[in-house]
Amino acid sequence: MSGQHFRYSSLRERVVEHIFVGELLRSLWLTEKFDIEVAKSEVDNAGHDLVLESQGTLRHLQLKSSFTGAKTNKVSINTRLAKKPSGCVIWIFFEQESLRLGPFLWFGGDPGAPLPDLGNNITKHTKADSQGNKSERPSLRDIQKRRFEEVEDMKGLIQKLFG
């Protein structure tokens, strides 16, 4: 099954996103927090995948995902996310075989606060040109895993999102 993750990575990404939204909504429901709105970005050029609003807080989320045990130590973040209200990044780890989610990595501020500084580590294209040069992607910044805060479960993530 693990070989299919590479082959169908776009599908897997959508499945993980749907599971994430479902688990978020279930957790809110079970704690009797019914004040939630979810909007999906149709075009991925504004730096976010989802917009959530609850308890008076508007959050623009960029989602990243990696399977548990992946060696990835950084993700690329769109600089436009920093211009969005309470922008944040949630890096979702999942089990390869079951797609069970968690833990989560959090990069963001308190509800109502802006996204922390993205720094100046400009992302480069993964493929080089014919001379071996990798061009820069000026609207993306590489954020190291160590800058994220680990959040063990959905309850903790909801606390980060909405207080």
Protein backbone atom coordinates (compact mmCIF):
# COMPACT_ATOMS: atom_id res chain seq x y z
CA MET A 1 0.00 0.00 0.00
CA SER A 2 2.78 2.47 0.80
CA GLY A 3 3.90 2.50 -2.86
CA GLN A 4 0.50 3.91 -3.81
CA HIS A 5 1.12 7.05 -1.72
CA PHE A 6 3.63 8.35 -4.25
CA ARG A 7 1.60 7.27 -7.26
CA TYR A 8 -1.64 8.85 -6.01
CA SER A 9 -0.24 11.69 -3.91
CA SER A 10 -2.77 14.29 -5.11
CA LEU A 11 -5.67 12.01 -4.25
CA ARG A 12 -4.12 11.15 -0.90
CA GLU A 13 -3.71 14.85 -0.14
CA ARG A 14 -7.44 15.42 -0.77
CA VAL A 15 -8.41 12.40 1.34
CA VAL A 16 -6.24 13.61 4.26
CA GLU A 17 -7.82 17.07 3.98
CA HIS A 18 -11.34 15.60 4.09
CA ILE A 19 -10.48 13.40 7.06
CA PHE A 20 -8.99 16.45 8.81
CA VAL A 21 -12.11 18.57 8.27
CA GLY A 22 -14.35 15.68 9.35
CA GLU A 23 -12.38 15.08 12.54
CA LEU A 24 -12.30 18.81 13.30
CA LEU A 25 -16.07 19.09 12.88
CA ARG A 26 -16.67 15.93 14.92
CA SER A 27 -14.51 17.23 17.77
CA LEU A 28 -16.33 20.57 17.79
CA TRP A 29 -19.70 18.79 17.71
CA LEU A 30 -18.80 16.54 20.64
CA THR A 31 -17.88 19.59 22.72
CA GLU A 32 -21.14 21.30 21.69
CA LYS A 33 -19.39 24.02 19.72
CA PHE A 34 -21.72 24.48 16.79
CA ASP A 35 -20.50 27.94 15.70
CA ILE A 36 -18.26 26.83 12.81
CA GLU A 37 -18.00 27.72 9.15
CA VAL A 38 -15.67 26.00 6.69
CA ALA A 39 -14.79 27.35 3.24
CA LYS A 40 -12.54 25.66 0.70
CA SER A 41 -10.28 27.66 -1.58
CA GLU A 42 -10.94 26.76 -5.22
CA VAL A 43 -7.71 28.37 -6.42
CA ASP A 44 -4.44 27.78 -4.58
CA ASN A 45 -2.71 31.11 -5.14
CA ALA A 46 -3.70 33.11 -2.06
CA GLY A 47 -1.69 31.03 0.38
CA HIS A 48 -4.50 29.08 2.03
CA ASP A 49 -6.43 25.86 1.54
CA LEU A 50 -9.26 26.39 4.02
CA VAL A 51 -10.94 29.24 5.84
CA LEU A 52 -12.46 28.49 9.22
CA GLU A 53 -14.56 30.79 11.36
CA SER A 54 -15.65 29.99 14.89
CA GLN A 55 -16.11 31.80 18.16
CA GLY A 56 -15.41 35.16 16.49
CA THR A 57 -12.08 34.05 15.02
CA LEU A 58 -11.40 33.88 11.29
CA ARG A 59 -8.54 31.53 10.34
CA HIS A 60 -6.89 31.05 6.96
CA LEU A 61 -5.16 27.65 6.96
CA GLN A 62 -2.48 26.25 4.74
CA LEU A 63 -2.38 22.48 5.14
CA LYS A 64 0.69 20.31 4.69
CA SER A 65 0.87 16.57 5.15
CA SER A 66 3.52 13.90 5.60
CA PHE A 67 3.34 10.27 6.59
CA THR A 68 4.59 9.32 10.03
CA GLY A 69 8.33 8.70 9.82
CA ALA A 70 8.89 10.87 6.73
CA LYS A 71 12.32 12.50 6.67
CA THR A 72 10.98 15.84 5.46
CA ASN A 73 12.35 18.61 7.66
CA LYS A 74 10.80 21.65 5.99
CA VAL A 75 7.73 22.82 4.11
CA SER A 76 7.17 25.71 1.72
CA ILE A 77 4.75 28.40 2.85
CA ASN A 78 3.12 30.96 0.57
CA THR A 79 4.01 34.52 1.67
CA ARG A 80 0.47 35.69 0.92
CA LEU A 81 -0.72 33.71 3.95
CA ALA A 82 0.96 36.32 6.16
CA LYS A 83 -1.51 38.91 4.84
CA LYS A 84 -4.54 36.87 5.86
CA PRO A 85 -6.34 37.25 9.21
CA SER A 86 -4.92 34.81 11.75
CA GLY A 87 -3.09 32.86 9.06
CA CYS A 88 -1.63 29.54 10.19
CA VAL A 89 -0.10 26.34 8.88
CA ILE A 90 -1.11 22.89 10.07
CA TRP A 91 1.30 20.12 9.13
CA ILE A 92 -0.67 16.89 9.40
CA PHE A 93 1.14 13.63 10.02
CA PHE A 94 -0.71 10.42 9.16
CA GLU A 95 -0.16 6.67 9.31
CA GLN A 96 0.46 5.27 5.84
CA GLU A 97 -1.67 2.16 6.17
CA SER A 98 -4.73 3.55 7.97
CA LEU A 99 -4.55 7.29 7.17
CA ARG A 100 -5.10 7.90 10.90
CA LEU A 101 -4.15 11.51 11.62
CA GLY A 102 -1.79 12.90 14.24
CA PRO A 103 0.22 14.32 15.63
CA PHE A 104 -0.10 17.79 14.12
CA LEU A 105 2.50 20.50 13.80
CA TRP A 106 1.36 24.09 14.31
CA PHE A 107 2.82 27.30 12.87
CA GLY A 108 0.71 30.29 13.76
CA GLY A 109 -0.16 32.84 16.39
CA ASP A 110 -2.92 33.20 18.91
CA PRO A 111 -6.46 33.79 17.61
CA GLY A 112 -6.52 37.25 16.03
CA ALA A 113 -2.71 37.44 15.79
CA PRO A 114 -0.81 37.42 12.49
CA LEU A 115 1.31 34.57 11.18
CA PRO A 116 4.81 34.54 12.70
CA ASP A 117 7.60 35.93 10.52
CA LEU A 118 8.37 33.60 7.61
CA GLY A 119 12.00 34.70 7.32
CA ASN A 120 14.02 35.03 4.13
CA ASN A 121 14.70 31.39 3.21
CA ILE A 122 13.27 31.53 -0.33
CA THR A 123 12.09 28.20 -1.72
CA LYS A 124 13.84 26.90 -4.83
CA HIS A 125 12.34 24.75 -7.56
CA THR A 126 12.99 21.06 -7.07
CA LYS A 127 14.15 20.57 -10.66
CA ALA A 128 17.19 22.28 -12.09
CA ASP A 129 17.53 23.85 -15.52
CA SER A 130 19.96 22.51 -18.16
CA GLN A 131 22.90 24.21 -16.37
CA GLY A 132 21.96 22.63 -13.03
CA ASN A 133 20.58 25.85 -11.52
CA LYS A 134 17.43 25.78 -9.43
CA SER A 135 15.47 29.00 -9.79
CA GLU A 136 13.92 30.72 -6.81
CA ARG A 137 10.20 30.80 -6.10
CA PRO A 138 9.93 34.31 -4.60
CA SER A 139 6.41 33.89 -3.20
CA LEU A 140 7.38 30.83 -1.11
CA ARG A 141 9.48 30.48 2.04
CA ASP A 142 10.94 27.28 3.47
CA ILE A 143 10.00 26.85 7.12
CA GLN A 144 12.00 24.31 9.11
CA LYS A 145 10.19 21.67 11.13
CA ARG A 146 11.82 22.93 14.33
CA ARG A 147 9.84 26.20 14.02
CA PHE A 148 6.56 24.28 14.36
CA GLU A 149 4.96 23.35 17.66
CA GLU A 150 3.72 19.78 18.08
CA VAL A 151 0.04 19.41 18.95
CA GLU A 152 -0.89 15.88 19.95
CA ASP A 153 -4.59 15.77 19.11
CA MET A 154 -7.58 17.57 17.61
CA LYS A 155 -8.62 19.02 20.99
CA GLY A 156 -5.26 20.77 21.28
CA LEU A 157 -5.48 21.96 17.70
CA ILE A 158 -8.91 23.49 18.28
CA GLN A 159 -7.46 25.32 21.27
CA LYS A 160 -4.69 26.72 19.04
CA LEU A 161 -7.17 27.71 16.34
CA PHE A 162 -9.90 29.33 18.41
CA GLY A 163 -8.72 29.69 22.01
